[in-house]
């Protein structure tokens, strides 16, 4: 992944910090840094090193104080901020349009604006026509509208970062005068962390599940000793800290993060609090799995991962006990187990600053994820009532629909490509721009698969990227959500691809299976379906053979 950083101030130390963070996260990143305040020349030039670098991501950081430095030096009585600032913004938008025309597949990350306290007019702000901050607020609102109407633009909320930590900690005026960079070493770390969060959101790198303790974590006190009436949990006073923490977790739940309980407790005592306490936000129905027992927590968390069919590295474990947290870290290295603050008053703020749950936009599948996992549990429960797996499959009344990718399905397709590890035959990661390019290229065919059954609609659970070269059909990517592994959906998708090839008089289908530490569930897919070995990680099938859709799946294809 190629990442370019343009700015109107010196950003070398910031970019260096980003590179270190990428290495720590094991994210491959080739980085380009423009010279000091060279962003206009880089964008407007023709064969600049910037365009020759051909970045996938462009970070454009414009310090409003630098952008308007000539205006701020003038006698403010003769400056019309309401006119000057929008004019400068319009010029910036024009340059962004040029950049997009020259790099149509790149995604642009643009810092929003803030005004340094030394530039603002103190008590005159909001009370005088010379106010600067209200103009800045309007500019940020315009920036927001600009980004919403352009899928290739993302806004980085630097203003909120400054509000959270303050100028005194984030800025070092000495650095500004010496190197034309106002950020302190602390500020550089925080800003580079924010940039990393956006890179991870772009790549779909985020945790899937929060496993949470109960006593002294979701509420104050011990349910089995103190009783429900003495638990510290309320909508006011000290107990509101726990209430707000639960509300913050619930917000992540609504964005598609799975919740699970892992608590050493008597289940009767814990469930009484969860069901009956008047200020409990996270009732039992919010949790996909609950392990309330006296077993070791690392063992319980391993079972939770198995039941949800997710990797241990998809889990964040929240527990007030350093002993339990360190035990989990030592036994389950993939699990993230950050130390909660000692004071529960800071629990909610702490959760909101974690970089584990990064989104740029949410899909229908995100909103429905918790419901889908609960429905999946019902499916598994019903499975035991059948003598054969075929009878179980028939009972599900599965309906598969396969369509070419479109604007509606695109966000979910990109999400599957970048998040799915288990049933992903090549683990090639593609951006939204990449998929749009494939969709507009007549040699590529991007498909998505949705699944419904008698328990409900699973939504889009699969995707495939096909390309035709030299009268052969190549399967570039073949991906299924872990929720539908073991239901023969892959056979239905392969059957569609087979018929697609036959309809185009293609005689050979070529597929790859590139082994990774996580994609063991799909490694035998090609040989099981009659493909012959054709080289390392390569399989081929003559279309003289037949791949039939399972008779228990109703195919609805377009």
Protein backbone atom coordinates (compact mmCIF):
# COMPACT_ATOMS: atom_id res chain seq x y z
CA UNK A 1 0.00 0.00 0.00
CA UNK A 2 1.42 3.36 -1.05
CA UNK A 3 0.69 6.35 1.20
CA UNK A 4 1.55 9.96 0.40
CA UNK A 5 1.62 12.81 2.93
CA UNK A 6 1.16 16.39 1.71
CA UNK A 7 0.96 19.42 3.99
CA UNK A 8 1.56 23.14 4.30
CA UNK A 9 3.91 22.63 7.26
CA UNK A 10 6.85 20.35 8.06
CA UNK A 11 5.45 16.87 8.68
CA UNK A 12 8.56 14.64 8.64
CA UNK A 13 8.38 13.64 12.33
CA UNK A 14 4.66 12.91 12.08
CA UNK A 15 5.14 10.66 9.06
CA UNK A 16 8.07 8.91 10.75
CA UNK A 17 5.79 8.15 13.70
CA UNK A 18 3.10 6.81 11.35
CA UNK A 19 5.67 4.50 9.71
CA UNK A 20 6.68 3.09 13.10
CA UNK A 21 3.05 2.45 13.95
CA UNK A 22 2.48 0.69 10.62
CA UNK A 23 5.46 -1.57 11.32
CA UNK A 24 4.14 -2.36 14.82
CA UNK A 25 0.73 -3.25 13.37
CA UNK A 26 2.41 -5.27 10.58
CA UNK A 27 0.75 -3.18 7.90
CA UNK A 28 2.81 -2.90 4.73
CA UNK A 29 3.17 0.73 3.77
CA UNK A 30 5.43 2.52 1.29
CA UNK A 31 5.48 6.22 2.22
CA UNK A 32 6.04 9.44 0.25
CA UNK A 33 6.60 12.81 1.99
CA UNK A 34 6.31 16.10 0.13
CA UNK A 35 8.63 18.99 0.91
CA UNK A 36 7.66 21.80 3.24
CA UNK A 37 4.52 23.58 1.93
CA UNK A 38 4.90 21.94 -1.48
CA UNK A 39 1.39 20.52 -1.67
CA UNK A 40 0.19 22.98 -4.33
CA UNK A 41 3.18 22.31 -6.61
CA UNK A 42 2.78 18.56 -6.08
CA UNK A 43 -0.92 18.62 -6.95
CA UNK A 44 -0.77 21.03 -9.91
CA UNK A 45 2.43 19.62 -11.43
CA UNK A 46 2.33 17.07 -14.23
CA UNK A 47 5.14 14.54 -13.79
CA UNK A 48 6.02 15.25 -10.18
CA UNK A 49 7.57 12.59 -7.93
CA UNK A 50 4.22 12.57 -6.13
CA UNK A 51 2.27 11.42 -9.19
CA UNK A 52 5.03 9.05 -10.24
CA UNK A 53 4.71 7.46 -6.78
CA UNK A 54 1.01 6.77 -7.61
CA UNK A 55 -0.30 6.54 -4.02
CA UNK A 56 -3.37 4.61 -2.97
CA UNK A 57 -3.90 6.92 0.03
CA UNK A 58 -3.16 10.65 0.20
CA UNK A 59 -3.10 12.48 3.53
CA UNK A 60 -3.54 16.22 2.97
CA UNK A 61 -2.94 18.18 6.15
CA UNK A 62 -3.66 21.89 5.87
CA UNK A 63 -3.07 24.04 8.95
CA UNK A 64 -5.63 26.84 8.74
CA UNK A 65 -3.31 29.14 10.66
CA UNK A 66 -0.66 28.65 7.97
CA UNK A 67 -3.19 28.84 5.14
CA UNK A 68 -4.35 32.25 6.41
CA UNK A 69 -1.08 33.50 7.88
CA UNK A 70 -1.03 36.55 5.59
CA UNK A 71 -4.61 37.41 6.57
CA UNK A 72 -3.97 37.07 10.29
CA UNK A 73 -1.01 39.46 10.00
CA UNK A 74 -3.22 42.22 8.62
CA UNK A 75 -5.20 44.76 10.62
CA UNK A 76 -8.26 42.70 11.47
CA UNK A 77 -10.47 45.78 11.11
CA UNK A 78 -9.93 45.62 7.36
CA UNK A 79 -10.32 41.87 6.89
CA UNK A 80 -13.61 40.26 5.91
CA UNK A 81 -13.14 36.73 7.30
CA UNK A 82 -16.57 35.73 6.00
CA UNK A 83 -15.28 36.25 2.45
CA UNK A 84 -11.57 35.46 2.64
CA UNK A 85 -11.84 32.09 4.36
CA UNK A 86 -14.47 30.58 1.99
CA UNK A 87 -12.42 31.81 -0.98
CA UNK A 88 -9.35 29.99 0.29
CA UNK A 89 -11.45 26.89 0.92
CA UNK A 90 -12.84 27.02 -2.63
CA UNK A 91 -9.29 27.15 -3.97
CA UNK A 92 -8.42 24.11 -1.86
CA UNK A 93 -11.45 22.24 -3.24
CA UNK A 94 -10.35 23.09 -6.79
CA UNK A 95 -6.92 21.57 -6.08
CA UNK A 96 -8.54 18.45 -4.63
CA UNK A 97 -10.55 18.13 -7.86
CA UNK A 98 -7.29 18.29 -9.83
CA UNK A 99 -5.74 15.64 -7.58
CA UNK A 100 -8.74 13.34 -8.04
CA UNK A 101 -8.67 13.79 -11.81
CA UNK A 102 -5.03 12.74 -11.89
CA UNK A 103 -5.34 10.01 -9.24
CA UNK A 104 -8.91 8.75 -9.71
CA UNK A 105 -8.33 5.58 -7.69
CA UNK A 106 -6.74 7.26 -4.65
CA UNK A 107 -8.55 7.93 -1.39
CA UNK A 108 -7.92 11.36 0.11
CA UNK A 109 -7.74 11.94 3.88
CA UNK A 110 -8.19 15.60 4.77
CA UNK A 111 -7.65 17.14 8.21
CA UNK A 112 -10.46 19.37 9.39
CA UNK A 113 -9.60 22.83 10.67
CA UNK A 114 -8.92 24.50 13.99
CA UNK A 115 -7.85 27.99 14.95
CA UNK A 116 -4.99 28.38 17.43
CA UNK A 117 -5.97 30.17 20.61
CA UNK A 118 -3.37 32.87 19.88
CA UNK A 119 -5.17 33.70 16.65
CA UNK A 120 -8.68 33.91 18.10
CA UNK A 121 -9.98 37.17 19.59
CA UNK A 122 -10.79 36.03 23.13
CA UNK A 123 -13.97 37.59 24.50
CA UNK A 124 -14.74 39.07 21.09
CA UNK A 125 -15.35 35.60 19.67
CA UNK A 126 -19.05 35.07 18.88
CA UNK A 127 -19.69 38.68 19.97
CA UNK A 128 -18.14 40.58 17.07
CA UNK A 129 -18.24 40.54 13.28
CA UNK A 130 -14.47 40.01 13.48
CA UNK A 131 -14.88 36.59 15.13
CA UNK A 132 -12.71 33.86 13.64
CA UNK A 133 -14.01 30.69 15.31
CA UNK A 134 -17.59 30.88 13.92
CA UNK A 135 -16.11 31.18 10.42
CA UNK A 136 -13.93 28.13 11.09
CA UNK A 137 -17.01 26.19 12.23
CA UNK A 138 -18.77 27.03 8.97
CA UNK A 139 -15.71 25.95 7.01
CA UNK A 140 -15.64 22.59 8.79
CA UNK A 141 -19.34 22.16 8.03
CA UNK A 142 -18.58 22.83 4.34
CA UNK A 143 -15.72 20.36 4.54
CA UNK A 144 -18.11 17.76 5.91
CA UNK A 145 -20.63 18.33 3.11
CA UNK A 146 -17.84 18.20 0.53
CA UNK A 147 -16.67 14.81 1.80
CA UNK A 148 -20.16 13.31 2.05
CA UNK A 149 -20.75 13.94 -1.64
CA UNK A 150 -17.41 12.41 -2.67
CA UNK A 151 -16.71 8.79 -1.83
CA UNK A 152 -12.97 9.28 -2.30
CA UNK A 153 -12.68 11.86 0.53
CA UNK A 154 -12.43 11.08 4.25
CA UNK A 155 -12.23 13.71 6.99
CA UNK A 156 -9.80 13.35 9.90
CA UNK A 157 -11.21 15.06 12.99
CA UNK A 158 -8.08 16.81 14.22
CA UNK A 159 -10.19 19.50 15.87
CA UNK A 160 -11.62 16.94 18.33
CA UNK A 161 -8.12 15.71 19.09
CA UNK A 162 -7.13 19.25 20.05
CA UNK A 163 -10.25 19.68 22.17
CA UNK A 164 -9.54 16.41 23.99
CA UNK A 165 -5.88 16.98 24.87
CA UNK A 166 -5.51 20.74 24.61
CA UNK A 167 -3.01 22.98 22.86
CA UNK A 168 -0.62 23.09 25.81
CA UNK A 169 0.05 19.35 25.50
CA UNK A 170 -0.24 18.93 21.74
CA UNK A 171 1.69 21.97 20.54
CA UNK A 172 5.23 23.24 21.10
CA UNK A 173 5.63 26.82 19.87
CA UNK A 174 9.40 26.45 19.88
CA UNK A 175 9.08 23.69 17.28
CA UNK A 176 6.94 25.99 15.15
CA UNK A 177 9.60 28.70 15.03
CA UNK A 178 12.50 26.28 14.56
CA UNK A 179 11.03 23.75 12.11
CA UNK A 180 7.65 25.07 10.91
CA UNK A 181 5.83 22.29 12.78
CA UNK A 182 3.82 23.28 15.84
CA UNK A 183 3.18 19.73 17.09
CA UNK A 184 4.97 18.63 20.28
CA UNK A 185 6.38 15.11 20.61
CA UNK A 186 3.24 14.19 22.56
CA UNK A 187 1.11 15.79 19.83
CA UNK A 188 2.99 13.93 17.11
CA UNK A 189 2.23 10.61 18.83
CA UNK A 190 -1.46 11.46 19.16
CA UNK A 191 -1.80 12.74 15.61
CA UNK A 192 0.03 9.76 14.11
CA UNK A 193 -2.24 7.49 16.16
CA UNK A 194 -5.27 9.22 14.66
CA UNK A 195 -3.84 8.78 11.17
CA UNK A 196 -3.23 5.09 11.88
CA UNK A 197 -6.81 4.68 13.07
CA UNK A 198 -8.00 5.97 9.69
CA UNK A 199 -5.65 3.67 7.81
CA UNK A 200 -6.98 0.72 9.78
CA UNK A 201 -10.56 1.82 9.13
CA UNK A 202 -9.78 2.08 5.42
CA UNK A 203 -8.33 -1.44 5.41
CA UNK A 204 -11.18 -2.83 7.53
CA UNK A 205 -8.85 -3.76 10.39
CA UNK A 206 -10.89 -3.83 13.56
CA UNK A 207 -11.85 -6.12 16.37
CA UNK A 208 -15.12 -8.02 16.15
CA UNK A 209 -15.99 -8.79 19.75
CA UNK A 210 -15.80 -7.28 23.24
CA UNK A 211 -15.61 -9.85 26.03
CA UNK A 212 -16.42 -8.12 29.28
CA UNK A 213 -16.26 -8.95 32.99
CA UNK A 214 -19.18 -8.07 35.27
CA UNK A 215 -18.23 -7.32 38.91
CA UNK A 216 -16.42 -3.98 39.25
CA UNK A 217 -16.44 -3.66 35.46
CA UNK A 218 -20.04 -3.31 34.27
CA UNK A 219 -21.11 -2.38 37.78
CA UNK A 220 -19.47 -1.56 41.09
CA UNK A 221 -19.42 -4.28 43.72
CA UNK A 222 -19.73 -8.06 43.69
CA UNK A 223 -23.14 -9.45 42.80
CA UNK A 224 -22.76 -12.62 44.87
CA UNK A 225 -21.71 -10.74 48.03
CA UNK A 226 -23.39 -7.35 47.87
CA UNK A 227 -26.71 -8.33 46.32
CA UNK A 228 -28.62 -6.47 43.64
CA UNK A 229 -29.74 -3.71 46.03
CA UNK A 230 -26.14 -2.71 46.88
CA UNK A 231 -24.64 -2.82 43.40
CA UNK A 232 -23.13 0.54 42.37
CA UNK A 233 -25.00 1.38 39.18
CA UNK A 234 -27.26 4.38 38.63
CA UNK A 235 -28.21 7.18 36.30
CA UNK A 236 -26.76 9.73 38.71
CA UNK A 237 -23.97 9.95 41.26
CA UNK A 238 -20.96 7.57 41.39
CA UNK A 239 -22.93 4.71 39.82
CA UNK A 240 -23.40 6.74 36.63
CA UNK A 241 -19.78 6.05 35.69
CA UNK A 242 -20.72 2.38 35.18
CA UNK A 243 -23.98 3.36 33.49
CA UNK A 244 -22.09 5.56 30.99
CA UNK A 245 -19.55 2.80 30.40
CA UNK A 246 -22.36 0.43 29.52
CA UNK A 247 -23.86 3.04 27.18
CA UNK A 248 -20.51 3.35 25.39
CA UNK A 249 -20.36 -0.43 24.96
CA UNK A 250 -23.95 -0.43 23.73
CA UNK A 251 -23.06 2.12 21.05
CA UNK A 252 -20.43 -0.30 19.74
CA UNK A 253 -23.02 -3.08 19.90
CA UNK A 254 -25.31 -1.05 17.62
CA UNK A 255 -22.42 -0.58 15.18
CA UNK A 256 -22.01 -4.34 14.81
CA UNK A 257 -19.49 -5.26 17.52
CA UNK A 258 -20.36 -8.57 19.19
CA UNK A 259 -20.62 -8.67 22.97
CA UNK A 260 -19.84 -11.58 25.29
CA UNK A 261 -19.59 -12.03 29.05
CA UNK A 262 -16.74 -13.78 30.83
CA UNK A 263 -17.23 -13.57 34.58
CA UNK A 264 -16.31 -15.61 37.63
CA UNK A 265 -19.66 -15.63 39.35
CA UNK A 266 -22.71 -17.60 40.29
CA UNK A 267 -24.85 -17.28 37.19
CA UNK A 268 -28.02 -16.83 39.26
CA UNK A 269 -26.59 -13.82 41.11
CA UNK A 270 -25.12 -12.22 37.98
CA UNK A 271 -28.25 -12.77 35.88
CA UNK A 272 -30.45 -11.27 38.60
CA UNK A 273 -28.52 -8.02 38.29
CA UNK A 274 -28.46 -8.13 34.50
CA UNK A 275 -32.20 -8.83 34.22
CA UNK A 276 -33.66 -6.85 37.08
CA UNK A 277 -31.44 -3.92 38.05
CA UNK A 278 -33.33 -0.76 36.97
CA UNK A 279 -30.23 0.96 35.58
CA UNK A 280 -28.73 -1.99 33.75
CA UNK A 281 -28.20 -0.99 30.10
CA UNK A 282 -26.71 -4.23 28.79
CA UNK A 283 -29.41 -6.82 29.40
CA UNK A 284 -28.68 -10.51 28.65
CA UNK A 285 -30.13 -10.22 25.12
CA UNK A 286 -27.28 -7.87 24.20
CA UNK A 287 -24.73 -10.67 24.63
CA UNK A 288 -24.21 -13.34 21.99
CA UNK A 289 -22.37 -15.64 24.42
CA UNK A 290 -22.24 -15.61 28.23
CA UNK A 291 -19.70 -17.58 30.25
CA UNK A 292 -20.66 -17.04 33.89
CA UNK A 293 -18.90 -19.72 35.91
CA UNK A 294 -15.77 -20.40 37.96
CA UNK A 295 -13.60 -21.69 35.11
CA UNK A 296 -10.34 -20.01 34.10
CA UNK A 297 -11.08 -16.98 31.97
CA UNK A 298 -8.59 -17.84 29.25
CA UNK A 299 -10.41 -21.14 28.71
CA UNK A 300 -13.78 -19.42 28.64
CA UNK A 301 -12.55 -16.87 26.10
CA UNK A 302 -11.18 -19.63 23.89
CA UNK A 303 -14.64 -21.26 23.97
CA UNK A 304 -16.30 -17.93 23.16
CA UNK A 305 -14.10 -17.57 20.08
CA UNK A 306 -14.96 -21.11 18.98
CA UNK A 307 -18.70 -20.60 19.48
CA UNK A 308 -18.65 -17.34 17.51
CA UNK A 309 -16.31 -18.84 14.91
CA UNK A 310 -13.93 -15.89 15.11
CA UNK A 311 -10.19 -15.68 15.71
CA UNK A 312 -8.77 -14.87 19.11
CA UNK A 313 -7.18 -11.82 17.54
CA UNK A 314 -10.70 -10.47 16.92
CA UNK A 315 -11.37 -10.11 20.66
CA UNK A 316 -10.92 -7.26 23.13
CA UNK A 317 -11.15 -8.37 26.76
CA UNK A 318 -12.19 -5.79 29.38
CA UNK A 319 -11.67 -6.71 33.04
CA UNK A 320 -10.80 -4.63 36.11
CA UNK A 321 -8.51 -7.39 37.43
CA UNK A 322 -4.85 -7.17 36.39
CA UNK A 323 -4.46 -10.83 37.35
CA UNK A 324 -7.18 -11.99 34.96
CA UNK A 325 -6.01 -9.64 32.23
CA UNK A 326 -2.39 -10.83 32.46
CA UNK A 327 -3.49 -14.48 32.55
CA UNK A 328 -5.40 -14.00 29.31
CA UNK A 329 -2.51 -12.13 27.69
CA UNK A 330 -0.07 -14.90 28.64
CA UNK A 331 -2.29 -17.76 27.44
CA UNK A 332 -4.02 -16.12 24.49
CA UNK A 333 -1.49 -13.75 22.87
CA UNK A 334 -3.87 -12.77 20.07
CA UNK A 335 -6.44 -11.28 22.46
CA UNK A 336 -6.23 -7.56 23.18
CA UNK A 337 -6.61 -6.95 26.94
CA UNK A 338 -5.97 -3.29 27.74
CA UNK A 339 -5.71 -2.17 31.36
CA UNK A 340 -8.79 -0.25 32.44
CA UNK A 341 -8.23 2.99 34.40
CA UNK A 342 -8.17 2.55 38.17
CA UNK A 343 -11.08 4.98 38.54
CA UNK A 344 -14.32 3.83 36.82
CA UNK A 345 -15.11 7.50 36.13
CA UNK A 346 -12.69 7.17 33.20
CA UNK A 347 -13.92 3.82 31.86
CA UNK A 348 -16.18 5.33 29.16
CA UNK A 349 -13.55 7.81 27.97
CA UNK A 350 -10.97 5.02 27.89
CA UNK A 351 -13.18 2.84 25.70
CA UNK A 352 -13.82 5.71 23.32
CA UNK A 353 -10.08 6.25 22.79
CA UNK A 354 -9.26 2.64 21.93
CA UNK A 355 -8.15 2.19 18.31
CA UNK A 356 -9.70 -1.28 18.05
CA UNK A 357 -13.06 -0.34 16.55
CA UNK A 358 -12.39 1.77 13.46
CA UNK A 359 -15.17 2.50 10.97
CA UNK A 360 -15.57 4.89 8.06
CA UNK A 361 -19.07 3.75 7.25
CA UNK A 362 -21.46 1.05 8.41
CA UNK A 363 -23.24 -1.48 6.22
CA UNK A 364 -26.56 -3.22 6.70
CA UNK A 365 -24.60 -6.28 7.73
CA UNK A 366 -22.97 -4.30 10.56
CA UNK A 367 -26.35 -3.20 11.89
CA UNK A 368 -27.71 -6.75 11.67
CA UNK A 369 -24.62 -8.61 12.89
CA UNK A 370 -25.71 -9.25 16.48
CA UNK A 371 -29.16 -10.37 15.36
CA UNK A 372 -27.60 -12.69 12.78
CA UNK A 373 -25.35 -14.31 15.36
CA UNK A 374 -28.31 -14.93 17.68
CA UNK A 375 -30.22 -16.48 14.77
CA UNK A 376 -27.18 -18.61 13.97
CA UNK A 377 -27.29 -19.96 17.52
CA UNK A 378 -30.91 -21.00 16.87
CA UNK A 379 -29.82 -22.80 13.70
CA UNK A 380 -27.13 -24.70 15.55
CA UNK A 381 -29.59 -25.62 18.27
CA UNK A 382 -32.05 -27.01 15.72
CA UNK A 383 -29.29 -29.06 14.07
CA UNK A 384 -29.23 -31.63 16.86
CA UNK A 385 -32.80 -32.70 16.10
CA UNK A 386 -31.87 -34.22 12.71
CA UNK A 387 -30.34 -37.61 12.05
CA UNK A 388 -28.28 -36.50 9.03
CA UNK A 389 -26.71 -33.23 7.98
CA UNK A 390 -28.59 -33.42 4.66
CA UNK A 391 -31.91 -33.43 6.52
CA UNK A 392 -30.71 -30.39 8.45
CA UNK A 393 -29.75 -28.60 5.23
CA UNK A 394 -33.18 -29.30 3.72
CA UNK A 395 -34.90 -28.02 6.85
CA UNK A 396 -33.14 -24.66 6.49
CA UNK A 397 -34.92 -23.94 3.16
CA UNK A 398 -31.89 -21.99 1.93
CA UNK A 399 -32.21 -19.51 -0.92
CA UNK A 400 -29.10 -18.09 -2.57
CA UNK A 401 -29.09 -15.04 -4.81
CA UNK A 402 -26.01 -14.12 -6.88
CA UNK A 403 -25.73 -10.77 -8.64
CA UNK A 404 -23.11 -8.53 -10.23
CA UNK A 405 -21.69 -5.94 -7.84
CA UNK A 406 -23.41 -2.54 -7.75
CA UNK A 407 -23.25 0.63 -5.65
CA UNK A 408 -25.56 -0.90 -3.03
CA UNK A 409 -23.46 -4.02 -2.49
CA UNK A 410 -20.05 -2.37 -2.89
CA UNK A 411 -19.40 -1.38 0.79
CA UNK A 412 -20.20 -4.89 1.99
CA UNK A 413 -18.07 -6.49 -0.76
CA UNK A 414 -15.10 -4.33 0.25
CA UNK A 415 -15.71 -5.24 3.88
CA UNK A 416 -15.73 -8.97 3.14
CA UNK A 417 -12.57 -8.71 1.05
CA UNK A 418 -10.64 -6.86 3.74
CA UNK A 419 -11.98 -8.51 6.90
CA UNK A 420 -12.54 -12.17 6.03
CA UNK A 421 -9.69 -14.56 6.80
CA UNK A 422 -11.10 -18.07 7.29
CA UNK A 423 -12.94 -18.73 4.01
CA UNK A 424 -10.76 -16.55 1.81
CA UNK A 425 -8.82 -18.53 -0.76
CA UNK A 426 -6.27 -15.90 -1.79
CA UNK A 427 -6.56 -13.19 0.94
CA UNK A 428 -5.99 -10.49 -1.64
CA UNK A 429 -7.08 -7.17 -0.19
CA UNK A 430 -8.71 -4.60 -2.45
CA UNK A 431 -9.93 -1.07 -1.81
CA UNK A 432 -13.26 0.37 -2.90
CA UNK A 433 -11.43 2.13 -5.74
CA UNK A 434 -9.96 -1.21 -6.84
CA UNK A 435 -13.38 -2.86 -6.95
CA UNK A 436 -14.89 0.07 -8.85
CA UNK A 437 -12.08 -0.27 -11.37
CA UNK A 438 -12.82 -3.99 -11.75
CA UNK A 439 -16.54 -3.24 -12.18
CA UNK A 440 -15.82 -0.87 -15.05
CA UNK A 441 -13.37 -3.26 -16.74
CA UNK A 442 -15.03 -5.65 -19.18
CA UNK A 443 -12.46 -8.36 -18.42
CA UNK A 444 -13.48 -8.51 -14.73
CA UNK A 445 -16.67 -9.75 -13.13
CA UNK A 446 -17.38 -8.98 -9.47
CA UNK A 447 -20.18 -11.03 -7.91
CA UNK A 448 -21.89 -11.00 -4.55
CA UNK A 449 -23.93 -13.71 -2.88
CA UNK A 450 -26.78 -13.21 -0.42
CA UNK A 451 -28.40 -15.99 1.60
CA UNK A 452 -31.77 -16.38 3.27
CA UNK A 453 -33.34 -19.33 5.06
CA UNK A 454 -36.31 -20.09 7.28
CA UNK A 455 -34.63 -18.35 10.21
CA UNK A 456 -34.19 -15.08 8.35
CA UNK A 457 -32.10 -13.09 5.88
CA UNK A 458 -28.34 -13.47 6.30
CA UNK A 459 -27.63 -10.58 3.94
CA UNK A 460 -24.55 -10.49 1.69
CA UNK A 461 -22.28 -13.31 2.85
CA UNK A 462 -20.04 -13.98 -0.12
CA UNK A 463 -18.19 -12.44 -3.04
CA UNK A 464 -16.07 -13.58 -5.96
CA UNK A 465 -13.87 -11.70 -8.41
CA UNK A 466 -13.47 -13.32 -11.81
CA UNK A 467 -11.36 -12.35 -14.79
CA UNK A 468 -11.28 -13.73 -18.33
CA UNK A 469 -7.90 -14.05 -20.07
CA UNK A 470 -6.81 -16.20 -22.99
CA UNK A 471 -10.18 -17.99 -23.13
CA UNK A 472 -9.80 -19.06 -19.51
CA UNK A 473 -11.76 -17.97 -16.44
CA UNK A 474 -9.59 -17.11 -13.44
CA UNK A 475 -11.01 -16.93 -9.92
CA UNK A 476 -9.04 -14.06 -8.43
CA UNK A 477 -10.91 -14.03 -5.11
CA UNK A 478 -13.46 -16.35 -3.51
CA UNK A 479 -14.75 -15.32 -0.09
CA UNK A 480 -17.51 -16.42 2.28
CA UNK A 481 -18.45 -15.02 5.66
CA UNK A 482 -17.54 -17.30 8.56
CA UNK A 483 -21.24 -17.31 9.51
CA UNK A 484 -22.13 -19.58 6.59
CA UNK A 485 -19.19 -21.98 6.64
CA UNK A 486 -20.44 -25.57 6.62
CA UNK A 487 -23.72 -24.96 4.76
CA UNK A 488 -22.47 -25.87 1.23
CA UNK A 489 -22.89 -22.28 0.07
CA UNK A 490 -19.46 -22.44 -1.56
CA UNK A 491 -20.78 -25.20 -3.86
CA UNK A 492 -23.66 -22.97 -4.90
CA UNK A 493 -21.27 -20.12 -5.76
CA UNK A 494 -18.89 -22.45 -7.62
CA UNK A 495 -21.86 -23.86 -9.55
CA UNK A 496 -22.80 -20.35 -10.64
CA UNK A 497 -19.21 -19.64 -11.72
CA UNK A 498 -19.15 -22.95 -13.65
CA UNK A 499 -22.36 -22.07 -15.52
CA UNK A 500 -21.06 -18.56 -16.13
CA UNK A 501 -17.98 -20.05 -17.82
CA UNK A 502 -20.05 -22.50 -19.88
CA UNK A 503 -22.33 -19.71 -21.10
CA UNK A 504 -19.26 -17.85 -22.39
CA UNK A 505 -17.88 -21.02 -24.07
CA UNK A 506 -14.90 -21.01 -21.72
CA UNK A 507 -13.28 -24.42 -21.44
CA UNK A 508 -11.13 -24.01 -18.33
CA UNK A 509 -11.59 -22.50 -14.89
CA UNK A 510 -8.40 -21.64 -12.95
CA UNK A 511 -8.44 -21.11 -9.20
CA UNK A 512 -5.82 -20.40 -6.57
CA UNK A 513 -5.69 -21.36 -2.92
CA UNK A 514 -2.89 -19.55 -1.12
CA UNK A 515 -2.51 -21.02 2.39
CA UNK A 516 -2.43 -18.63 5.35
CA UNK A 517 -2.44 -19.33 9.09
CA UNK A 518 -6.19 -18.66 9.14
CA UNK A 519 -7.76 -20.03 5.95
CA UNK A 520 -7.63 -23.74 6.70
CA UNK A 521 -11.46 -24.12 6.36
CA UNK A 522 -11.27 -23.49 2.61
CA UNK A 523 -8.02 -25.18 1.58
CA UNK A 524 -9.72 -28.30 0.20
CA UNK A 525 -12.46 -26.49 -1.70
CA UNK A 526 -11.04 -26.97 -5.18
CA UNK A 527 -10.07 -30.67 -4.97
CA UNK A 528 -13.37 -31.52 -3.26
CA UNK A 529 -15.20 -30.00 -6.25
CA UNK A 530 -13.21 -31.90 -8.88
CA UNK A 531 -10.44 -29.43 -9.68
CA UNK A 532 -7.08 -30.89 -10.66
CA UNK A 533 -3.73 -29.69 -9.35
CA UNK A 534 -2.05 -27.39 -11.89
CA UNK A 535 0.97 -26.10 -10.02
CA UNK A 536 1.80 -24.65 -6.61
CA UNK A 537 -1.42 -23.26 -5.06
CA UNK A 538 -3.09 -23.54 -8.47
CA UNK A 539 -6.10 -25.66 -9.51
CA UNK A 540 -7.93 -26.11 -12.79
CA UNK A 541 -11.26 -27.54 -13.91
CA UNK A 542 -12.40 -28.44 -17.40
CA UNK A 543 -15.94 -27.26 -18.05
CA UNK A 544 -16.62 -30.73 -19.45
CA UNK A 545 -17.12 -31.64 -15.81
CA UNK A 546 -20.19 -30.52 -13.92
CA UNK A 547 -20.54 -28.63 -10.65
CA UNK A 548 -24.18 -28.81 -9.59
CA UNK A 549 -25.85 -26.58 -7.04
CA UNK A 550 -26.83 -28.60 -3.93
CA UNK A 551 -30.42 -29.75 -4.23
CA UNK A 552 -31.27 -28.25 -0.82
CA UNK A 553 -30.33 -24.75 -2.01
CA UNK A 554 -32.66 -22.77 -4.25
CA UNK A 555 -30.57 -20.68 -6.63
CA UNK A 556 -31.73 -17.23 -7.68
CA UNK A 557 -29.06 -15.79 -9.97
CA UNK A 558 -28.88 -12.76 -12.25
